[in-house]
């Protein structure tokens, strides 16, 4: 998929090392990186509309990168990629829960970084062309999914989801009542340039359940099908066309 329009990435750099940024990266595959050293300077840069995504180091001097992440997610709708020198499963889960769209390892290559940027940014773009005039709204139980605006509601209340969480929920809602294997979910939220691990799907499903207040031991929405994948429980689902 070719990206059009904004290709600038705002890099909020801290004390971590990201191998992909150690060499010449300006103009890599059409992306441009602008570097700032903290939230205040970053917010000043984000005042205009030229950026397509944010790349945030969670190890910031004199402050918590997680607090910066939370502030960015609260105020900006751009995809947010995070990385850190110290990586643990707990930190990755916390970052996803606070709104990160992807967590990069310190040794990520430039090729993989670009592929992951392309994949998430592509999903973040609004639907264009013929589909922009007719958007399909998907319903299941008290959930409503709007692919056009990349938004989801539960009982009329907006859900604050990351891009990947939205894609997973949208896929489950569209296939309500059908078992979705991990492989099919991986295919639905990925493209040929972006590798999402099965474990990543499980982590995002766990985060999605928390945001839906869905108990995995007595699920109302998402049921685990052991050894296979997941199933969205639903007695009735529908799809409306909105012009």
Protein backbone atom coordinates (compact mmCIF):
# COMPACT_ATOMS: atom_id res chain seq x y z
CA UNK A 1 0.00 0.00 0.00
CA UNK A 2 1.38 3.38 -0.96
CA UNK A 3 1.02 6.20 1.55
CA UNK A 4 0.07 9.63 0.35
CA UNK A 5 0.19 13.02 2.04
CA UNK A 6 1.88 13.53 5.40
CA UNK A 7 5.07 11.51 5.86
CA UNK A 8 6.75 13.33 8.79
CA UNK A 9 7.33 11.44 12.03
CA UNK A 10 7.84 13.34 15.31
CA UNK A 11 10.58 11.63 17.34
CA UNK A 12 10.56 12.47 21.06
CA UNK A 13 14.01 11.23 22.01
CA UNK A 14 15.20 10.26 25.49
CA UNK A 15 17.96 8.05 26.86
CA UNK A 16 17.16 4.79 25.04
CA UNK A 17 19.00 3.43 22.04
CA UNK A 18 17.04 2.43 18.95
CA UNK A 19 19.26 0.73 16.41
CA UNK A 20 17.08 1.84 13.49
CA UNK A 21 17.85 5.47 14.33
CA UNK A 22 21.62 5.04 14.72
CA UNK A 23 22.40 5.76 11.06
CA UNK A 24 21.10 7.97 8.30
CA UNK A 25 17.32 7.69 8.27
CA UNK A 26 16.12 11.04 6.94
CA UNK A 27 14.12 10.38 3.80
CA UNK A 28 14.11 6.63 4.40
CA UNK A 29 11.31 5.26 2.21
CA UNK A 30 9.87 8.76 2.04
CA UNK A 31 9.60 9.30 5.80
CA UNK A 32 11.07 12.39 7.46
CA UNK A 33 11.96 12.44 11.14
CA UNK A 34 11.90 15.59 13.28
CA UNK A 35 13.54 15.19 16.68
CA UNK A 36 12.58 16.95 19.92
CA UNK A 37 13.77 16.33 23.46
CA UNK A 38 10.57 16.55 25.51
CA UNK A 39 6.81 16.88 25.68
CA UNK A 40 6.68 20.68 25.70
CA UNK A 41 8.75 21.02 22.55
CA UNK A 42 6.84 18.13 21.00
CA UNK A 43 3.46 19.73 21.64
CA UNK A 44 4.73 22.89 20.00
CA UNK A 45 5.64 20.90 16.90
CA UNK A 46 2.32 19.04 16.92
CA UNK A 47 0.47 22.34 16.67
CA UNK A 48 0.54 21.99 12.90
CA UNK A 49 -0.84 19.12 10.85
CA UNK A 50 2.15 17.81 8.94
CA UNK A 51 2.86 14.79 11.14
CA UNK A 52 1.61 11.28 10.41
CA UNK A 53 2.77 9.63 13.66
CA UNK A 54 4.71 10.05 16.91
CA UNK A 55 7.74 7.97 17.93
CA UNK A 56 8.22 8.23 21.71
CA UNK A 57 11.13 7.12 23.90
CA UNK A 58 9.64 6.03 27.23
CA UNK A 59 12.95 6.67 29.02
CA UNK A 60 12.87 10.46 29.22
CA UNK A 61 15.23 12.44 31.47
CA UNK A 62 13.52 13.94 34.49
CA UNK A 63 10.09 12.48 33.80
CA UNK A 64 7.95 9.47 33.06
CA UNK A 65 7.56 8.50 29.44
CA UNK A 66 4.30 6.80 30.37
CA UNK A 67 2.89 10.12 31.60
CA UNK A 68 3.97 11.74 28.33
CA UNK A 69 2.33 8.87 26.42
CA UNK A 70 -0.90 9.35 28.33
CA UNK A 71 -0.85 13.11 27.68
CA UNK A 72 -0.17 12.62 23.97
CA UNK A 73 -2.97 10.06 23.60
CA UNK A 74 -5.38 12.32 25.47
CA UNK A 75 -4.68 15.28 23.21
CA UNK A 76 -3.72 13.88 19.80
CA UNK A 77 -5.24 11.23 17.55
CA UNK A 78 -2.02 10.33 15.74
CA UNK A 79 -0.60 6.80 15.84
CA UNK A 80 1.96 6.56 18.65
CA UNK A 81 4.95 4.20 18.53
CA UNK A 82 6.94 3.74 21.73
CA UNK A 83 10.32 2.21 22.54
CA UNK A 84 12.54 1.85 25.59
CA UNK A 85 15.98 0.60 26.57
CA UNK A 86 14.39 -1.58 29.27
CA UNK A 87 11.64 -3.81 27.88
CA UNK A 88 9.38 -6.01 29.99
CA UNK A 89 6.01 -7.58 29.30
CA UNK A 90 4.48 -5.43 32.06
CA UNK A 91 5.81 -2.25 30.40
CA UNK A 92 4.51 -3.32 26.99
CA UNK A 93 1.05 -4.06 28.36
CA UNK A 94 1.00 -0.75 30.26
CA UNK A 95 2.03 1.14 27.13
CA UNK A 96 -0.76 -0.47 25.11
CA UNK A 97 -3.29 0.29 27.85
CA UNK A 98 -2.21 3.94 27.83
CA UNK A 99 -2.79 4.21 24.10
CA UNK A 100 0.38 3.13 22.30
CA UNK A 101 -0.29 1.67 18.87
CA UNK A 102 2.97 -0.29 18.72
CA UNK A 103 5.93 -1.11 20.98
CA UNK A 104 9.32 -1.29 19.27
CA UNK A 105 12.24 -3.32 20.53
CA UNK A 106 15.65 -1.66 20.81
CA UNK A 107 17.13 -3.80 18.04
CA UNK A 108 14.42 -3.16 15.46
CA UNK A 109 15.96 -2.71 12.01
CA UNK A 110 15.33 0.29 9.77
CA UNK A 111 13.52 -1.97 7.30
CA UNK A 112 11.17 -3.32 9.98
CA UNK A 113 10.66 0.14 11.49
CA UNK A 114 9.55 1.53 8.13
CA UNK A 115 7.29 -1.49 7.53
CA UNK A 116 5.59 -1.06 10.89
CA UNK A 117 5.22 2.69 10.40
CA UNK A 118 3.64 2.11 7.00
CA UNK A 119 1.22 -0.52 8.31
CA UNK A 120 -0.12 1.41 11.31
CA UNK A 121 -0.24 4.77 9.52
CA UNK A 122 -2.06 3.19 6.58
CA UNK A 123 -4.74 1.82 8.91
CA UNK A 124 -5.06 5.24 10.55
CA UNK A 125 -5.96 7.01 7.32
CA UNK A 126 -9.60 7.76 6.68
CA UNK A 127 -11.34 5.72 4.01
CA UNK A 128 -10.99 7.40 0.63
CA UNK A 129 -12.38 6.92 -2.85
CA UNK A 130 -15.74 5.24 -3.46
CA UNK A 131 -16.08 3.97 0.09
CA UNK A 132 -15.90 7.50 1.51
CA UNK A 133 -19.51 8.17 0.45
CA UNK A 134 -20.97 5.01 1.93
CA UNK A 135 -19.64 3.76 5.26
CA UNK A 136 -20.73 0.48 6.78
CA UNK A 137 -21.68 0.67 10.45
CA UNK A 138 -21.40 -2.68 12.24
CA UNK A 139 -23.40 -3.55 15.34
CA UNK A 140 -23.19 -6.42 17.83
CA UNK A 141 -24.93 -6.43 21.20
CA UNK A 142 -24.39 -2.85 22.45
CA UNK A 143 -21.26 -2.31 20.35
CA UNK A 144 -21.11 -0.05 17.30
CA UNK A 145 -18.13 -0.01 14.93
CA UNK A 146 -17.61 2.83 12.43
CA UNK A 147 -14.72 1.97 10.05
CA UNK A 148 -14.92 5.39 8.40
CA UNK A 149 -14.06 7.35 11.54
CA UNK A 150 -12.14 4.47 13.15
CA UNK A 151 -14.41 4.80 16.20
CA UNK A 152 -16.24 2.36 18.44
CA UNK A 153 -18.91 2.79 21.10
CA UNK A 154 -20.31 0.61 23.87
CA UNK A 155 -23.88 1.44 24.92
CA UNK A 156 -23.40 4.78 23.17
CA UNK A 157 -20.20 5.59 25.10
CA UNK A 158 -17.01 6.08 23.11
CA UNK A 159 -14.30 3.46 23.61
CA UNK A 160 -10.71 4.71 23.77
CA UNK A 161 -8.96 2.08 21.66
CA UNK A 162 -5.57 1.88 20.03
CA UNK A 163 -5.51 1.33 16.27
CA UNK A 164 -4.72 -2.35 16.66
CA UNK A 165 -7.41 -2.84 19.31
CA UNK A 166 -9.94 -1.18 17.02
CA UNK A 167 -8.94 -3.40 14.11
CA UNK A 168 -9.26 -6.53 16.26
CA UNK A 169 -12.66 -5.49 17.64
CA UNK A 170 -13.90 -4.50 14.18
CA UNK A 171 -12.87 -7.88 12.81
CA UNK A 172 -14.58 -9.75 15.64
CA UNK A 173 -17.77 -7.67 15.28
CA UNK A 174 -17.87 -8.15 11.50
CA UNK A 175 -17.52 -11.91 12.05
CA UNK A 176 -19.80 -12.03 15.08
CA UNK A 177 -20.77 -15.57 15.97
CA UNK A 178 -17.85 -17.02 13.99
CA UNK A 179 -14.65 -18.38 15.49
CA UNK A 180 -11.70 -16.23 14.43
CA UNK A 181 -8.40 -18.06 14.51
CA UNK A 182 -5.31 -16.18 15.62
CA UNK A 183 -4.02 -16.62 12.08
CA UNK A 184 -7.10 -14.95 10.59
CA UNK A 185 -6.88 -12.10 13.11
CA UNK A 186 -3.20 -11.66 12.28
CA UNK A 187 -4.10 -11.47 8.60
CA UNK A 188 -6.92 -8.98 9.25
CA UNK A 189 -4.75 -6.50 11.19
CA UNK A 190 -1.55 -6.90 9.18
CA UNK A 191 -0.26 -6.33 5.71
CA UNK A 192 2.49 -8.08 3.84
CA UNK A 193 5.13 -5.70 5.24
CA UNK A 194 4.16 -5.94 8.93
CA UNK A 195 4.57 -8.95 11.17
CA UNK A 196 2.29 -9.12 14.20
CA UNK A 197 3.07 -11.99 16.54
CA UNK A 198 0.35 -14.28 17.89
CA UNK A 199 1.37 -13.23 21.40
CA UNK A 200 0.77 -9.60 20.41
CA UNK A 201 -2.80 -10.49 19.44
CA UNK A 202 -3.31 -12.09 22.86
CA UNK A 203 -1.95 -9.01 24.65
CA UNK A 204 -4.24 -6.68 22.68
CA UNK A 205 -7.26 -8.94 23.22
CA UNK A 206 -6.54 -8.86 26.97
CA UNK A 207 -6.36 -5.05 26.88
CA UNK A 208 -9.54 -4.88 24.79
CA UNK A 209 -11.36 -7.06 27.32
CA UNK A 210 -10.37 -4.71 30.12
CA UNK A 211 -11.71 -1.71 28.20
CA UNK A 212 -14.98 -3.59 27.58
CA UNK A 213 -15.13 -4.69 31.25
CA UNK A 214 -15.34 -8.22 29.91
CA UNK A 215 -14.42 -11.02 32.33
CA UNK A 216 -12.58 -13.76 30.37
CA UNK A 217 -13.83 -16.34 32.91
CA UNK A 218 -17.45 -15.35 32.28
CA UNK A 219 -17.29 -13.46 28.98
CA UNK A 220 -20.08 -11.28 27.72
CA UNK A 221 -18.29 -10.32 24.52
CA UNK A 222 -15.05 -12.16 23.69
CA UNK A 223 -14.76 -15.88 24.33
CA UNK A 224 -11.45 -17.71 24.04
CA UNK A 225 -11.62 -20.84 21.94
CA UNK A 226 -8.74 -22.80 23.39
CA UNK A 227 -6.06 -23.68 20.90
CA UNK A 228 -7.85 -21.85 18.08
CA UNK A 229 -8.57 -18.19 18.66
CA UNK A 230 -11.49 -15.98 19.71
CA UNK A 231 -15.25 -15.67 19.23
CA UNK A 232 -17.44 -12.60 19.67
CA UNK A 233 -20.55 -13.77 21.48
CA UNK A 234 -23.69 -12.32 19.98
CA UNK A 235 -27.29 -13.38 19.53
CA UNK A 236 -27.98 -10.72 16.94
CA UNK A 237 -25.77 -8.53 14.79
CA UNK A 238 -26.50 -6.17 11.95
CA UNK A 239 -24.82 -3.90 9.45
CA UNK A 240 -26.20 -0.59 8.25
CA UNK A 241 -25.07 1.48 5.27
CA UNK A 242 -24.70 5.17 6.04
CA UNK A 243 -24.55 7.54 3.07
